[in-house]
Amino acid sequence: MALMQTCTRIRNPRRGDKWSPMQTDADTVTVATAKVAAGTAQLRVSADKVGRLMDLVGELSLSVSDTIWNPDLAGLDLTRFENSARRLQLVVREVQTAAAELRLVPIGDVFRRMRPLVRELERQTGKDVELSFQGEETEIDKLIVDRLFEPLVHLLRNSVDHGLESPQDRVAAGKAAAGCVVLSAAHAGGEVQITIADDGRGLDRARILEKARGRGFFGPTEEPGDAELWKVIFEPGFSTAENVTNLSGRGVGMDVLHHAISQLRGRIDIRSEAGVGAAFTLSIPLSLAFLDCLVMRVGDILYAAPVEGVSEVFRPGDERVTCVAAQNGDAYVQLRGTSIPLRRLGGGLAPSDTAAREAKIVVVANTSRGRVGLLVDEMFDQQQVVMKPLVGHLSKIRGGVGCALLGSGEVVIVIDCEKLLREADI
């Protein structure tokens, strides 16, 4: 294991049915660049000013939507108006994209801040560490960068303290005396994937399983898969360290890390191979500013799912579906030879076989655990929204990561299918 290395019919709530493509379209923000004859000019811009601009662009988008979908225009023959409105929407979207790009900075700025930390860790642990970077030019929202520093510091400490062996043990195992830690970043769809990988001993599966059984996460004879076992690392107070040091052993940190990444609508994936090394990958949205979503209705509630996470939308009666069957208490849909579990938003998560058969629309979302089908009553058009966090009792909405205001004045709940599946314990 190399660890170091459609078109679908949707309806706008203010218009009739239309065919519409599903398009997967510090104090200073570092640089805004402009191409000029003599080269590239750079301008340093206050983060507050950029933030203010993005807030105004969000308000502009809502005002445009409110004007275009004004109920007073319903039933009127406004061909020229609709053409102009469409052009206006495209321009606003371009402005939103350009405003969001102003707040993008290279991840390398954060990576380079890790070098002094590594030197200090070498001094404390007596280990030799070679730190290298890949994808330093990868850009990410500065608001995310500022909140990524502490999680990356914690993962780096873990890699050096727990992952890398001592120079003597490495030489005895046929490795170079100096351990290697690689920080890499790359774009993947609408996400940035940041990985911290080391060539150390890997996670101690037996020790982690022993501790997990001792805390009641698994039965005495239960043998979980790696992906399921690694999850317990993020449980509050979980630690396999025998002694408490200034670097580890207190059982705090990984749960805080998991919470911090979840707040960024991200997730953590772990790969490990005994004697070869381990890699922690943080998958985080490219920007927190604007979110392209598909708006859907379940009952009287509107939901929005990020476009990049949706692979398909269809009606269960479509010829591509062979059957809907209840298996092990769950409902599944057979789509082109693949069995996809069905879930519904609101109420109970697992729909009955009858409810699944009577479903009007299925939205297929991609997750790290495979695809999942969401049962919805109605689909609306794709919209770009400005997401706000869920606070208070709203933060307990199942699968919800935020809310947004549509141009019609209605509020939608933005969902994260990864979070939905975690809470369903699939």
Protein backbone atom coordinates (compact mmCIF):
# COMPACT_ATOMS: atom_id res chain seq x y z
CA MET A 1 0.00 0.00 0.00
CA ALA A 2 1.53 3.26 -1.10
CA LEU A 3 0.77 5.49 1.85
CA MET A 4 3.43 8.06 0.90
CA GLN A 5 2.26 8.78 -2.37
CA THR A 6 -27.45 13.61 -16.19
CA CYS A 7 -29.83 15.39 -17.05
CA THR A 8 -33.12 15.13 -15.08
CA ARG A 9 -36.53 16.79 -14.98
CA ILE A 10 -36.72 19.22 -12.09
CA ARG A 11 -39.14 22.01 -11.28
CA ASN A 12 -38.63 25.52 -10.01
CA PRO A 13 -41.05 26.34 -7.17
CA ARG A 14 -42.09 29.55 -8.98
CA ARG A 15 -42.36 28.18 -12.55
CA GLY A 16 -43.73 25.27 -14.49
CA ASP A 17 -41.81 22.09 -15.24
CA LYS A 18 -38.62 22.57 -17.23
CA TRP A 19 -35.72 20.43 -18.32
CA SER A 20 -32.61 21.55 -16.51
CA PRO A 21 -29.14 19.96 -16.43
CA MET A 22 -27.60 18.93 -13.14
CA GLN A 23 -24.36 20.92 -13.38
CA THR A 24 -21.59 20.21 -11.02
CA ASP A 25 -20.60 23.40 -11.85
CA ALA A 26 -4.95 36.45 9.48
CA ASP A 27 -6.12 39.92 8.90
CA THR A 28 -5.17 40.11 5.24
CA VAL A 29 -6.19 37.91 2.38
CA THR A 30 -2.92 37.18 0.69
CA VAL A 31 -3.27 38.36 -2.86
CA ALA A 32 -5.73 39.45 -5.51
CA THR A 33 -4.02 39.17 -8.90
CA ALA A 34 -4.68 40.92 -12.17
CA LYS A 35 -2.99 40.24 -15.52
CA VAL A 36 -1.46 43.36 -17.02
CA ALA A 37 0.79 43.98 -20.00
CA ALA A 38 3.93 44.11 -17.91
CA GLY A 39 3.16 40.94 -15.96
CA THR A 40 1.08 40.12 -12.89
CA ALA A 41 0.13 42.87 -10.47
CA GLN A 42 -0.64 41.96 -6.88
CA LEU A 43 -2.80 43.79 -4.36
CA ARG A 44 -3.06 42.98 -0.65
CA VAL A 45 -6.65 43.19 0.54
CA SER A 46 -8.06 43.27 4.08
CA ALA A 47 -9.92 40.06 4.94
CA ASP A 48 -12.69 42.16 6.48
CA LYS A 49 -13.19 44.00 3.20
CA VAL A 50 -13.36 40.75 1.25
CA GLY A 51 -15.80 39.34 3.79
CA ARG A 52 -17.97 42.45 3.47
CA LEU A 53 -17.91 42.12 -0.32
CA MET A 54 -18.99 38.48 -0.13
CA ASP A 55 -21.85 39.34 2.23
CA LEU A 56 -23.04 41.99 -0.21
CA VAL A 57 -22.78 39.57 -3.14
CA GLY A 58 -24.88 37.10 -1.17
CA GLU A 59 -27.50 39.77 -0.55
CA LEU A 60 -27.38 40.71 -4.25
CA SER A 61 -28.05 37.11 -5.22
CA LEU A 62 -31.05 36.93 -2.90
CA SER A 63 -32.42 40.23 -4.20
CA VAL A 64 -32.10 39.09 -7.82
CA SER A 65 -33.86 35.80 -7.04
CA ASP A 66 -36.59 37.62 -5.15
CA THR A 67 -37.17 39.88 -8.16
CA ILE A 68 -37.14 37.13 -10.78
CA TRP A 69 -39.46 34.82 -8.84
CA ASN A 70 -41.75 37.59 -7.61
CA PRO A 71 -45.31 36.18 -7.44
CA ASP A 72 -46.63 39.36 -9.08
CA LEU A 73 -44.99 38.16 -12.32
CA ALA A 74 -46.75 34.79 -12.32
CA GLY A 75 -48.85 34.17 -15.41
CA LEU A 76 -47.45 37.11 -17.38
CA ASP A 77 -45.93 36.68 -20.85
CA LEU A 78 -42.46 38.08 -20.20
CA THR A 79 -40.22 36.47 -22.79
CA ARG A 80 -37.77 39.36 -22.99
CA PHE A 81 -37.76 39.72 -19.21
CA GLU A 82 -36.95 36.03 -18.76
CA ASN A 83 -34.03 36.27 -21.18
CA SER A 84 -32.67 39.32 -19.38
CA ALA A 85 -33.24 37.68 -16.00
CA ARG A 86 -31.30 34.61 -17.12
CA ARG A 87 -28.36 36.76 -18.19
CA LEU A 88 -28.51 38.62 -14.88
CA GLN A 89 -28.39 35.34 -12.97
CA LEU A 90 -25.33 34.21 -14.92
CA VAL A 91 -23.57 37.50 -14.21
CA VAL A 92 -24.38 37.31 -10.50
CA ARG A 93 -23.02 33.76 -10.40
CA GLU A 94 -19.80 34.93 -12.04
CA VAL A 95 -19.53 37.73 -9.48
CA GLN A 96 -20.04 35.22 -6.67
CA THR A 97 -17.32 33.00 -8.05
CA ALA A 98 -14.92 35.90 -8.50
CA ALA A 99 -15.61 37.17 -4.95
CA ALA A 100 -15.01 33.71 -3.51
CA GLU A 101 -11.71 33.43 -5.39
CA LEU A 102 -10.47 36.61 -3.69
CA ARG A 103 -10.39 34.72 -0.40
CA LEU A 104 -8.47 31.72 -1.72
CA VAL A 105 -4.89 31.34 -0.50
CA PRO A 106 -2.29 28.59 -1.10
CA ILE A 107 -2.21 25.84 1.52
CA GLY A 108 1.59 26.00 1.42
CA ASP A 109 1.47 28.98 3.80
CA VAL A 110 0.15 26.65 6.50
CA PHE A 111 2.45 23.79 5.58
CA ARG A 112 5.56 25.92 6.00
CA ARG A 113 4.47 26.91 9.50
CA MET A 114 4.91 23.24 10.46
CA ARG A 115 8.69 23.22 10.07
CA PRO A 116 9.48 24.86 13.45
CA LEU A 117 7.05 22.42 15.10
CA VAL A 118 8.87 19.45 13.59
CA ARG A 119 12.23 20.75 14.79
CA GLU A 120 10.79 21.04 18.32
CA LEU A 121 9.29 17.54 18.11
CA GLU A 122 12.69 16.16 17.07
CA ARG A 123 14.22 17.70 20.15
CA GLN A 124 11.52 16.32 22.47
CA THR A 125 11.35 12.78 21.03
CA GLY A 126 14.94 12.23 19.94
CA LYS A 127 13.75 11.19 16.48
CA ASP A 128 15.01 12.39 13.12
CA VAL A 129 12.22 13.64 10.86
CA GLU A 130 12.28 14.57 7.19
CA LEU A 131 9.27 16.79 6.44
CA SER A 132 8.26 17.30 2.81
CA PHE A 133 5.36 18.99 1.03
CA GLN A 134 3.30 18.21 -2.06
CA GLY A 135 0.66 20.40 -3.69
CA GLU A 136 1.69 23.56 -1.82
CA GLU A 137 0.06 25.70 -4.52
CA THR A 138 -3.40 24.18 -3.84
CA GLU A 139 -5.77 27.02 -2.94
CA ILE A 140 -8.37 27.00 -0.20
CA ASP A 141 -10.64 29.53 1.53
CA LYS A 142 -8.67 31.59 4.05
CA LEU A 143 -11.41 31.14 6.66
CA ILE A 144 -10.83 27.38 6.39
CA VAL A 145 -7.05 27.75 6.45
CA ASP A 146 -7.20 29.68 9.72
CA ARG A 147 -9.24 26.88 11.31
CA LEU A 148 -7.05 24.10 9.89
CA PHE A 149 -3.83 25.02 11.64
CA GLU A 150 -4.57 23.40 15.02
CA PRO A 151 -5.96 20.13 13.50
CA LEU A 152 -2.85 19.81 11.33
CA VAL A 153 -0.60 20.48 14.33
CA HIS A 154 -2.30 17.70 16.27
CA LEU A 155 -2.01 15.20 13.40
CA LEU A 156 1.64 16.06 12.90
CA ARG A 157 2.37 15.52 16.57
CA ASN A 158 0.65 12.14 16.41
CA SER A 159 2.65 11.11 13.34
CA VAL A 160 5.97 11.95 14.98
CA ASP A 161 5.18 10.78 18.52
CA HIS A 162 3.09 7.67 17.81
CA GLY A 163 3.79 6.81 14.18
CA LEU A 164 7.53 7.11 13.66
CA GLU A 165 9.86 4.64 15.35
CA SER A 166 13.10 5.59 17.05
CA PRO A 167 16.19 5.72 14.78
CA GLN A 168 17.45 2.44 16.26
CA ASP A 169 14.16 0.62 15.68
CA ARG A 170 13.93 1.96 12.13
CA VAL A 171 17.41 0.75 11.26
CA ALA A 172 16.64 -2.67 12.78
CA ALA A 173 13.51 -2.84 10.59
CA GLY A 174 15.52 -2.05 7.47
CA LYS A 175 14.34 1.55 7.18
CA ALA A 176 16.25 4.80 6.98
CA ALA A 177 17.14 6.20 10.41
CA ALA A 178 15.18 9.39 9.69
CA GLY A 179 11.42 9.08 9.52
CA CYS A 180 9.53 10.65 6.65
CA VAL A 181 6.37 12.75 7.03
CA VAL A 182 4.61 14.13 3.94
CA LEU A 183 2.01 16.91 3.95
CA SER A 184 0.11 16.96 0.66
CA ALA A 185 -2.91 18.74 -0.74
CA ALA A 186 -4.96 18.36 -3.93
CA HIS A 187 -8.32 19.36 -5.33
CA ALA A 188 -10.92 16.59 -5.70
CA GLY A 189 -14.17 17.89 -7.15
CA GLY A 190 -15.47 20.62 -4.85
CA GLU A 191 -13.16 19.54 -2.03
CA VAL A 192 -9.58 19.95 -0.96
CA GLN A 193 -7.97 16.77 0.35
CA ILE A 194 -5.13 17.35 2.80
CA THR A 195 -3.10 14.30 3.84
CA ILE A 196 -0.51 13.77 6.54
CA ALA A 197 1.31 10.50 5.84
CA ASP A 198 4.27 8.89 7.57
CA ASP A 199 6.39 5.80 6.94
CA GLY A 200 6.31 4.63 10.56
CA ARG A 201 4.91 1.60 12.30
CA GLY A 202 1.26 2.23 11.41
CA LEU A 203 -1.66 2.08 13.82
CA ASP A 204 -1.51 -0.66 16.46
CA ARG A 205 -4.69 -2.50 15.50
CA ALA A 206 -4.51 -5.08 18.28
CA ARG A 207 -3.96 -2.43 20.96
CA ILE A 208 -6.75 -0.21 19.66
CA LEU A 209 -9.17 -3.15 19.48
CA GLU A 210 -8.27 -4.21 23.04
CA LYS A 211 -8.96 -0.72 24.37
CA ALA A 212 -12.16 -0.44 22.31
CA ARG A 213 -13.47 -3.73 23.70
CA GLY A 214 -12.55 -2.61 27.19
CA ARG A 215 -14.71 0.49 26.74
CA GLY A 216 -17.62 -1.48 25.32
CA PHE A 217 -17.42 -0.32 21.71
CA PHE A 218 -17.21 -3.93 20.51
CA GLY A 219 -18.07 -7.33 21.95
CA PRO A 220 -15.38 -9.72 23.25
CA THR A 221 -15.47 -11.79 20.05
CA GLU A 222 -16.46 -9.09 17.60
CA GLU A 223 -13.95 -8.44 14.81
CA PRO A 224 -14.66 -5.05 13.20
CA GLY A 225 -13.18 -3.98 9.90
CA ASP A 226 -10.41 -1.42 9.84
CA ALA A 227 -12.66 1.47 8.78
CA GLU A 228 -15.06 0.74 11.65
CA LEU A 229 -12.28 0.25 14.18
CA TRP A 230 -10.44 3.46 13.34
CA LYS A 231 -13.59 5.44 14.23
CA VAL A 232 -13.12 4.76 17.93
CA ILE A 233 -9.92 6.80 17.85
CA PHE A 234 -12.14 9.89 17.68
CA GLU A 235 -14.18 8.97 20.76
CA PRO A 236 -13.73 11.37 23.73
CA GLY A 237 -11.06 10.18 26.15
CA PHE A 238 -9.83 7.34 23.95
CA SER A 239 -6.08 6.70 24.15
CA THR A 240 -3.76 3.70 23.87
CA ALA A 241 -0.77 5.46 25.47
CA GLU A 242 0.53 3.82 28.64
CA ASN A 243 2.01 7.02 30.05
CA VAL A 244 0.91 10.64 29.99
CA THR A 245 3.44 13.00 28.43
CA ASN A 246 3.33 16.58 27.21
CA LEU A 247 2.64 15.16 23.74
CA SER A 248 0.11 12.39 24.33
CA GLY A 249 -1.70 10.07 26.69
CA ARG A 250 -4.49 12.28 27.96
CA GLY A 251 -7.14 10.88 25.63
CA VAL A 252 -8.07 14.30 24.29
CA GLY A 253 -7.31 15.80 20.96
CA MET A 254 -8.58 13.37 18.35
CA ASP A 255 -12.21 13.93 19.36
CA VAL A 256 -11.60 17.67 19.27
CA LEU A 257 -9.98 17.23 15.86
CA HIS A 258 -12.99 15.30 14.58
CA HIS A 259 -15.37 17.97 15.84
CA ALA A 260 -13.31 20.76 14.25
CA ILE A 261 -13.31 19.04 10.84
CA SER A 262 -17.05 18.29 11.11
CA GLN A 263 -17.67 22.00 11.75
CA LEU A 264 -15.98 22.66 8.40
CA ARG A 265 -18.35 20.16 6.71
CA GLY A 266 -15.37 17.87 6.26
CA ARG A 267 -14.45 14.31 7.09
CA ILE A 268 -11.37 12.30 8.10
CA ASP A 269 -10.28 9.08 6.38
CA ILE A 270 -7.57 6.82 7.78
CA ARG A 271 -5.33 4.32 6.02
CA SER A 272 -2.79 2.22 7.86
CA GLU A 273 -0.52 -0.75 7.23
CA ALA A 274 1.53 -2.34 9.98
CA GLY A 275 5.22 -1.59 9.56
CA VAL A 276 4.62 0.59 6.49
CA GLY A 277 2.92 3.71 7.84
CA ALA A 278 -0.34 5.57 8.25
CA ALA A 279 -2.10 8.38 6.44
CA PHE A 280 -4.81 10.74 7.69
CA THR A 281 -6.76 12.51 4.95
CA LEU A 282 -8.91 15.57 5.66
CA SER A 283 -11.53 16.20 2.96
CA ILE A 284 -12.85 19.75 3.24
CA PRO A 285 -14.99 21.97 0.97
CA LEU A 286 -12.98 24.34 -1.20
CA SER A 287 -14.93 27.32 0.14
CA LEU A 288 -17.48 28.05 2.84
CA ALA A 289 -18.83 31.08 1.01
CA PHE A 290 -21.27 29.90 -1.65
CA LEU A 291 -22.70 26.42 -2.11
CA ASP A 292 -24.26 24.99 -5.28
CA CYS A 293 -27.21 22.88 -4.13
CA LEU A 294 -30.16 20.90 -5.39
CA VAL A 295 -33.27 21.98 -3.54
CA MET A 296 -35.81 19.28 -2.62
CA ARG A 297 -38.95 18.94 -0.55
CA VAL A 298 -39.90 16.25 1.96
CA GLY A 299 -43.35 16.87 3.40
CA ASP A 300 -43.50 20.56 4.21
CA ILE A 301 -39.75 20.98 4.72
CA LEU A 302 -37.22 22.12 2.13
CA TYR A 303 -33.76 20.56 2.05
CA ALA A 304 -30.67 21.31 -0.03
CA ALA A 305 -27.90 18.87 -0.96
CA PRO A 306 -24.53 20.04 -2.37
CA VAL A 307 -24.41 19.33 -6.10
CA GLU A 308 -20.94 17.76 -6.04
CA GLY A 309 -22.22 15.03 -3.73
CA VAL A 310 -25.18 14.03 -5.94
CA SER A 311 -24.61 11.50 -8.71
CA GLU A 312 -28.12 10.83 -9.98
CA VAL A 313 -31.81 11.72 -9.62
CA PHE A 314 -34.58 9.41 -10.85
CA ARG A 315 -38.09 8.14 -10.20
CA PRO A 316 -38.24 4.63 -8.68
CA GLY A 317 -40.60 3.56 -11.46
CA ASP A 318 -37.93 4.37 -14.04
CA GLU A 319 -36.91 1.49 -16.31
CA ARG A 320 -33.39 1.60 -14.85
CA VAL A 321 -34.74 0.23 -11.57
CA THR A 322 -35.47 -3.48 -11.45
CA CYS A 323 -37.02 -3.73 -7.98
CA VAL A 324 -37.30 -2.27 -4.51
CA ALA A 325 -36.91 -4.84 -1.77
CA ALA A 326 -36.71 -4.93 2.01
CA GLN A 327 -33.49 -6.56 3.21
CA ASN A 328 -32.47 -6.89 6.85
CA GLY A 329 -35.01 -4.28 7.88
CA ASP A 330 -33.70 -1.75 5.37
CA ALA A 331 -35.11 -0.74 2.01
CA TYR A 332 -32.89 -0.98 -1.06
CA VAL A 333 -33.23 -0.01 -4.68
CA GLN A 334 -31.57 -2.05 -7.41
CA LEU A 335 -29.98 0.33 -9.89
CA ARG A 336 -28.05 -1.14 -12.83
CA GLY A 337 -27.11 -4.22 -10.82
CA THR A 338 -26.10 -2.29 -7.69
CA SER A 339 -28.02 -2.42 -4.42
CA ILE A 340 -28.33 1.06 -2.92
CA PRO A 341 -29.68 1.60 0.63
CA LEU A 342 -32.56 4.06 0.89
CA ARG A 343 -32.95 6.73 3.54
CA ARG A 344 -35.51 9.47 4.06
CA LEU A 345 -35.08 12.90 5.54
CA GLY A 346 -37.13 13.70 8.62
CA GLY A 347 -38.90 11.11 10.75
CA GLY A 348 -37.39 7.63 10.83
CA LEU A 349 -34.33 7.21 8.68
CA ALA A 350 -35.03 3.72 7.37
CA PRO A 351 -38.16 3.70 5.17
CA SER A 352 -40.51 0.72 5.02
CA ASP A 353 -40.73 -1.37 1.87
CA THR A 354 -44.13 0.21 1.12
CA ALA A 355 -42.80 3.74 1.60
CA ALA A 356 -39.86 2.96 -0.66
CA ARG A 357 -42.14 1.61 -3.40
CA GLU A 358 -44.37 4.68 -3.18
CA ALA A 359 -41.46 7.12 -3.26
CA LYS A 360 -41.79 9.78 -5.94
CA ILE A 361 -38.12 10.63 -6.42
CA VAL A 362 -34.79 9.11 -5.36
CA VAL A 363 -31.68 11.30 -5.05
CA VAL A 364 -28.49 9.21 -5.15
CA ALA A 365 -25.65 10.75 -3.14
CA ASN A 366 -22.01 9.68 -3.01
CA THR A 367 -20.41 9.12 0.39
CA SER A 368 -17.22 7.55 1.70
CA ARG A 369 -19.31 4.47 2.59
CA GLY A 370 -20.76 4.13 -0.87
CA ARG A 371 -23.89 5.50 -2.50
CA VAL A 372 -27.13 6.15 -0.63
CA GLY A 373 -30.59 6.97 -2.01
CA LEU A 374 -32.63 9.75 -0.41
CA LEU A 375 -36.41 9.58 -0.79
CA VAL A 376 -37.91 12.98 -1.54
CA ASP A 377 -41.35 14.21 -2.62
CA GLU A 378 -40.36 16.96 -5.04
CA MET A 379 -37.25 18.37 -6.73
CA PHE A 380 -36.68 22.04 -7.45
CA ASP A 381 -34.00 23.77 -9.44
CA GLN A 382 -30.29 24.01 -8.68
CA GLN A 383 -29.44 27.13 -6.70
CA GLN A 384 -26.33 28.72 -5.29
CA VAL A 385 -26.89 29.56 -1.64
CA VAL A 386 -25.09 31.29 1.20
CA MET A 387 -25.04 28.81 4.05
CA LYS A 388 -25.35 29.86 7.68
CA PRO A 389 -24.61 27.56 10.64
CA LEU A 390 -27.32 25.77 12.61
CA VAL A 391 -27.34 26.93 16.22
CA GLY A 392 -29.21 25.97 19.37
CA HIS A 393 -31.81 23.22 18.95
CA LEU A 394 -31.46 23.49 15.17
CA SER A 395 -27.97 21.98 15.44
CA LYS A 396 -29.66 18.67 16.35
CA ILE A 397 -31.39 18.34 12.97
CA ARG A 398 -30.39 14.95 11.62
CA GLY A 399 -27.87 15.28 8.81
CA GLY A 400 -28.11 19.08 8.88
CA VAL A 401 -24.96 21.18 8.59
CA GLY A 402 -26.48 24.58 7.93
CA CYS A 403 -29.41 26.59 6.62
CA ALA A 404 -29.88 29.03 3.76
CA LEU A 405 -32.41 31.59 2.62
CA LEU A 406 -33.79 31.22 -0.91
CA GLY A 407 -34.79 34.13 -3.11
CA SER A 408 -38.42 33.16 -2.50
CA GLY A 409 -37.92 33.92 1.20
CA GLU A 410 -38.11 30.25 2.17
CA VAL A 411 -35.52 28.62 4.43
CA VAL A 412 -33.84 25.36 3.45
CA ILE A 413 -31.89 22.94 5.60
CA VAL A 414 -28.53 22.08 4.03
CA ILE A 415 -27.75 18.41 4.56
CA ASP A 416 -24.53 16.41 4.57
CA CYS A 417 -25.05 12.77 3.55
CA GLU A 418 -21.85 11.72 5.33
CA LYS A 419 -23.24 13.11 8.58
CA LEU A 420 -26.63 11.54 7.85
CA LEU A 421 -25.11 8.08 7.49
CA ARG A 422 -22.96 8.46 10.60
CA GLU A 423 -26.02 9.32 12.66
CA ALA A 424 -27.92 6.41 11.14
CA ASP A 425 -25.08 4.04 12.11
CA ILE A 426 -25.13 2.26 8.80
